[in-house]
Amino acid sequence: MPFTLAKESGMGAFQFSGADYKSGKKPEITLVDLIEMRESFACQKFSVEGFNNFSQIGKIMISEKSYHVGSDYIRIWYYSNGSSIYLITYLSNWGDQGEEPEECDKMVANISFEHTT
């Protein structure tokens, strides 16, 4: 079950699920992998074009995109240090999200991995 955050006065839900590298053959996750996983996830869940596409490469890689699906606003992030990976989502009613997506961006930017590999 994903870890979920919601502000008491907020309108949306912010969820995290991930896989932390612990041992064994070390994965070599790339930004291209994150983009492909994000697109695959979105394609499986809903069939609309996204917007606000953002990617960051470096010690920490992020692939992010937003979607308008029916009456929902959805933002998806894939976040990795090259060996561990997180899927992070934000969901609210379209038009009700206010500043929450930007607040979520700030939280995502400040995530750190227990094992920096």
C-alpha atoms as a PDB file:
ATOM      1  CA  MET A   1       0.000   0.000   0.000  1.00  0.00           C
ATOM      2  CA  PRO A   2       1.456   3.395  -0.939  1.00  0.00           C
ATOM      3  CA  PHE A   3       2.295   6.011   1.652  1.00  0.00           C
ATOM      4  CA  THR A   4      -0.286   8.821   1.341  1.00  0.00           C
ATOM      5  CA  LEU A   5      -0.218  12.460   2.466  1.00  0.00           C
ATOM      6  CA  ALA A   6      -3.105  14.917   2.429  1.00  0.00           C
ATOM      7  CA  LYS A   7      -3.455  18.343   3.982  1.00  0.00           C
ATOM      8  CA  GLU A   8      -6.380  18.709   6.372  1.00  0.00           C
ATOM      9  CA  SER A   9      -7.474  21.808   4.462  1.00  0.00           C
ATOM     10  CA  GLY A  10      -6.273  20.462   1.100  1.00  0.00           C
ATOM     11  CA  MET A  11      -8.024  19.092  -1.929  1.00  0.00           C
ATOM     12  CA  GLY A  12      -5.756  16.285  -3.142  1.00  0.00           C
ATOM     13  CA  ALA A  13      -3.811  13.174  -2.196  1.00  0.00           C
ATOM     14  CA  PHE A  14      -0.040  12.784  -2.591  1.00  0.00           C
ATOM     15  CA  GLN A  15       1.163   9.154  -2.745  1.00  0.00           C
ATOM     16  CA  PHE A  16       4.580   7.470  -2.745  1.00  0.00           C
ATOM     17  CA  SER A  17       5.526   3.932  -3.616  1.00  0.00           C
ATOM     18  CA  GLY A  18       8.990   2.706  -4.352  1.00  0.00           C
ATOM     19  CA  ALA A  19      11.660   0.116  -4.548  1.00  0.00           C
ATOM     20  CA  ASP A  20      14.864   0.736  -2.599  1.00  0.00           C
ATOM     21  CA  TYR A  21      18.002  -1.008  -3.775  1.00  0.00           C
ATOM     22  CA  LYS A  22      19.433  -3.039  -0.906  1.00  0.00           C
ATOM     23  CA  SER A  23      21.759  -5.679  -2.364  1.00  0.00           C
ATOM     24  CA  GLY A  24      22.467  -7.919  -5.317  1.00  0.00           C
ATOM     25  CA  LYS A  25      23.060  -6.823  -8.869  1.00  0.00           C
ATOM     26  CA  LYS A  26      22.810  -3.055  -8.876  1.00  0.00           C
ATOM     27  CA  PRO A  27      20.236  -1.667 -11.313  1.00  0.00           C
ATOM     28  CA  GLU A  28      21.337   1.087 -13.670  1.00  0.00           C
ATOM     29  CA  ILE A  29      18.207   3.199 -13.992  1.00  0.00           C
ATOM     30  CA  THR A  30      18.487   6.050 -16.492  1.00  0.00           C
ATOM     31  CA  LEU A  31      16.399   9.127 -17.194  1.00  0.00           C
ATOM     32  CA  VAL A  32      15.181   7.411 -20.375  1.00  0.00           C
ATOM     33  CA  ASP A  33      13.955   4.514 -18.200  1.00  0.00           C
ATOM     34  CA  LEU A  34      12.046   6.948 -15.964  1.00  0.00           C
ATOM     35  CA  ILE A  35      10.404   8.648 -18.947  1.00  0.00           C
ATOM     36  CA  GLU A  36       9.440   5.298 -20.456  1.00  0.00           C
ATOM     37  CA  MET A  37       8.006   4.056 -17.137  1.00  0.00           C
ATOM     38  CA  ARG A  38       6.026   7.264 -16.670  1.00  0.00           C
ATOM     39  CA  GLU A  39       4.600   7.080 -20.191  1.00  0.00           C
ATOM     40  CA  SER A  40       3.801   3.380 -19.804  1.00  0.00           C
ATOM     41  CA  PHE A  41       2.062   3.960 -16.456  1.00  0.00           C
ATOM     42  CA  ALA A  42       0.005   6.829 -17.892  1.00  0.00           C
ATOM     43  CA  CYS A  43      -0.897   4.835 -21.016  1.00  0.00           C
ATOM     44  CA  GLN A  44      -2.111   1.904 -18.892  1.00  0.00           C
ATOM     45  CA  LYS A  45      -4.176   4.107 -16.554  1.00  0.00           C
ATOM     46  CA  PHE A  46      -5.619   6.713 -18.940  1.00  0.00           C
ATOM     47  CA  SER A  47      -5.329   7.667 -22.587  1.00  0.00           C
ATOM     48  CA  VAL A  48      -4.891  11.430 -22.681  1.00  0.00           C
ATOM     49  CA  GLU A  49      -1.964  13.636 -23.608  1.00  0.00           C
ATOM     50  CA  GLY A  50      -0.072  15.083 -20.683  1.00  0.00           C
ATOM     51  CA  PHE A  51       1.260  18.596 -20.139  1.00  0.00           C
ATOM     52  CA  ASN A  52       3.890  20.319 -17.962  1.00  0.00           C
ATOM     53  CA  ASN A  53       6.475  17.733 -18.962  1.00  0.00           C
ATOM     54  CA  PHE A  54       9.673  18.079 -16.895  1.00  0.00           C
ATOM     55  CA  SER A  55      12.823  15.986 -16.631  1.00  0.00           C
ATOM     56  CA  GLN A  56      15.967  16.442 -14.563  1.00  0.00           C
ATOM     57  CA  ILE A  57      19.188  14.527 -14.865  1.00  0.00           C
ATOM     58  CA  GLY A  58      21.979  14.413 -12.328  1.00  0.00           C
ATOM     59  CA  LYS A  59      22.711  12.505  -9.131  1.00  0.00           C
ATOM     60  CA  ILE A  60      18.938  12.451  -8.733  1.00  0.00           C
ATOM     61  CA  MET A  61      16.769  12.011 -11.832  1.00  0.00           C
ATOM     62  CA  ILE A  62      13.143  13.093 -12.109  1.00  0.00           C
ATOM     63  CA  SER A  63      10.583  12.582 -14.854  1.00  0.00           C
ATOM     64  CA  GLU A  64       7.320  14.448 -14.274  1.00  0.00           C
ATOM     65  CA  LYS A  65       4.134  15.087 -16.232  1.00  0.00           C
ATOM     66  CA  SER A  66       0.599  16.311 -15.486  1.00  0.00           C
ATOM     67  CA  TYR A  67      -2.688  15.019 -16.894  1.00  0.00           C
ATOM     68  CA  HIS A  68      -6.320  16.158 -17.129  1.00  0.00           C
ATOM     69  CA  VAL A  69      -8.376  12.968 -16.960  1.00  0.00           C
ATOM     70  CA  GLY A  70     -12.135  13.482 -16.867  1.00  0.00           C
ATOM     71  CA  SER A  71     -12.750  15.593 -13.765  1.00  0.00           C
ATOM     72  CA  ASP A  72      -9.310  14.795 -12.271  1.00  0.00           C
ATOM     73  CA  TYR A  73      -5.958  16.539 -12.199  1.00  0.00           C
ATOM     74  CA  ILE A  74      -3.117  14.009 -11.957  1.00  0.00           C
ATOM     75  CA  ARG A  75       0.627  14.621 -11.687  1.00  0.00           C
ATOM     76  CA  ILE A  76       3.092  11.751 -11.940  1.00  0.00           C
ATOM     77  CA  TRP A  77       6.756  11.728 -10.953  1.00  0.00           C
ATOM     78  CA  TYR A  78       9.283   8.953 -11.362  1.00  0.00           C
ATOM     79  CA  TYR A  79      12.273   9.683  -9.136  1.00  0.00           C
ATOM     80  CA  SER A  80      15.556   7.759  -8.950  1.00  0.00           C
ATOM     81  CA  ASN A  81      19.166   7.858  -7.854  1.00  0.00           C
ATOM     82  CA  GLY A  82      20.063   5.254 -10.485  1.00  0.00           C
ATOM     83  CA  SER A  83      19.448   2.217  -8.296  1.00  0.00           C
ATOM     84  CA  SER A  84      16.346   2.950  -6.194  1.00  0.00           C
ATOM     85  CA  ILE A  85      13.146   4.278  -7.709  1.00  0.00           C
ATOM     86  CA  TYR A  86       9.916   5.934  -6.564  1.00  0.00           C
ATOM     87  CA  LEU A  87       6.572   6.445  -8.261  1.00  0.00           C
ATOM     88  CA  ILE A  88       4.926   9.528  -6.810  1.00  0.00           C
ATOM     89  CA  THR A  89       1.443  10.726  -7.716  1.00  0.00           C
ATOM     90  CA  TYR A  90      -0.797  13.640  -6.871  1.00  0.00           C
ATOM     91  CA  LEU A  91      -4.558  13.495  -7.521  1.00  0.00           C
ATOM     92  CA  SER A  92      -7.258  16.129  -7.069  1.00  0.00           C
ATOM     93  CA  ASN A  93     -10.402  17.369  -8.772  1.00  0.00           C
ATOM     94  CA  TRP A  94      -9.601  19.415 -11.867  1.00  0.00           C
ATOM     95  CA  GLY A  95      -9.629  23.088 -10.925  1.00  0.00           C
ATOM     96  CA  ASP A  96      -9.454  22.428  -7.175  1.00  0.00           C
ATOM     97  CA  GLN A  97      -5.716  21.743  -6.918  1.00  0.00           C
ATOM     98  CA  GLY A  98      -4.669  25.345  -6.214  1.00  0.00           C
ATOM     99  CA  GLU A  99      -1.031  25.537  -5.115  1.00  0.00           C
ATOM    100  CA  GLU A 100      -0.813  21.895  -4.005  1.00  0.00           C
ATOM    101  CA  PRO A 101       1.000  20.624  -7.150  1.00  0.00           C
ATOM    102  CA  GLU A 102       3.761  23.200  -6.647  1.00  0.00           C
ATOM    103  CA  GLU A 103       3.988  22.236  -2.963  1.00  0.00           C
ATOM    104  CA  CYS A 104       4.313  18.599  -4.063  1.00  0.00           C
ATOM    105  CA  ASP A 105       7.090  19.598  -6.505  1.00  0.00           C
ATOM    106  CA  LYS A 106       9.003  21.094  -3.570  1.00  0.00           C
ATOM    107  CA  MET A 107       8.562  17.924  -1.503  1.00  0.00           C
ATOM    108  CA  VAL A 108       9.709  15.742  -4.412  1.00  0.00           C
ATOM    109  CA  ALA A 109      12.782  17.955  -4.913  1.00  0.00           C
ATOM    110  CA  ASN A 110      13.708  17.366  -1.248  1.00  0.00           C
ATOM    111  CA  ILE A 111      13.390  13.582  -1.160  1.00  0.00           C
ATOM    112  CA  SER A 112      16.599  11.802  -0.267  1.00  0.00           C
ATOM    113  CA  PHE A 113      17.474   8.145  -0.470  1.00  0.00           C
ATOM    114  CA  GLU A 114      18.573   6.205   2.604  1.00  0.00           C
ATOM    115  CA  HIS A 115      21.219   4.434   0.528  1.00  0.00           C
ATOM    116  CA  THR A 116      23.036   6.732  -1.857  1.00  0.00           C
ATOM    117  CA  THR A 117      24.579   4.358  -4.357  1.00  0.00           C
END
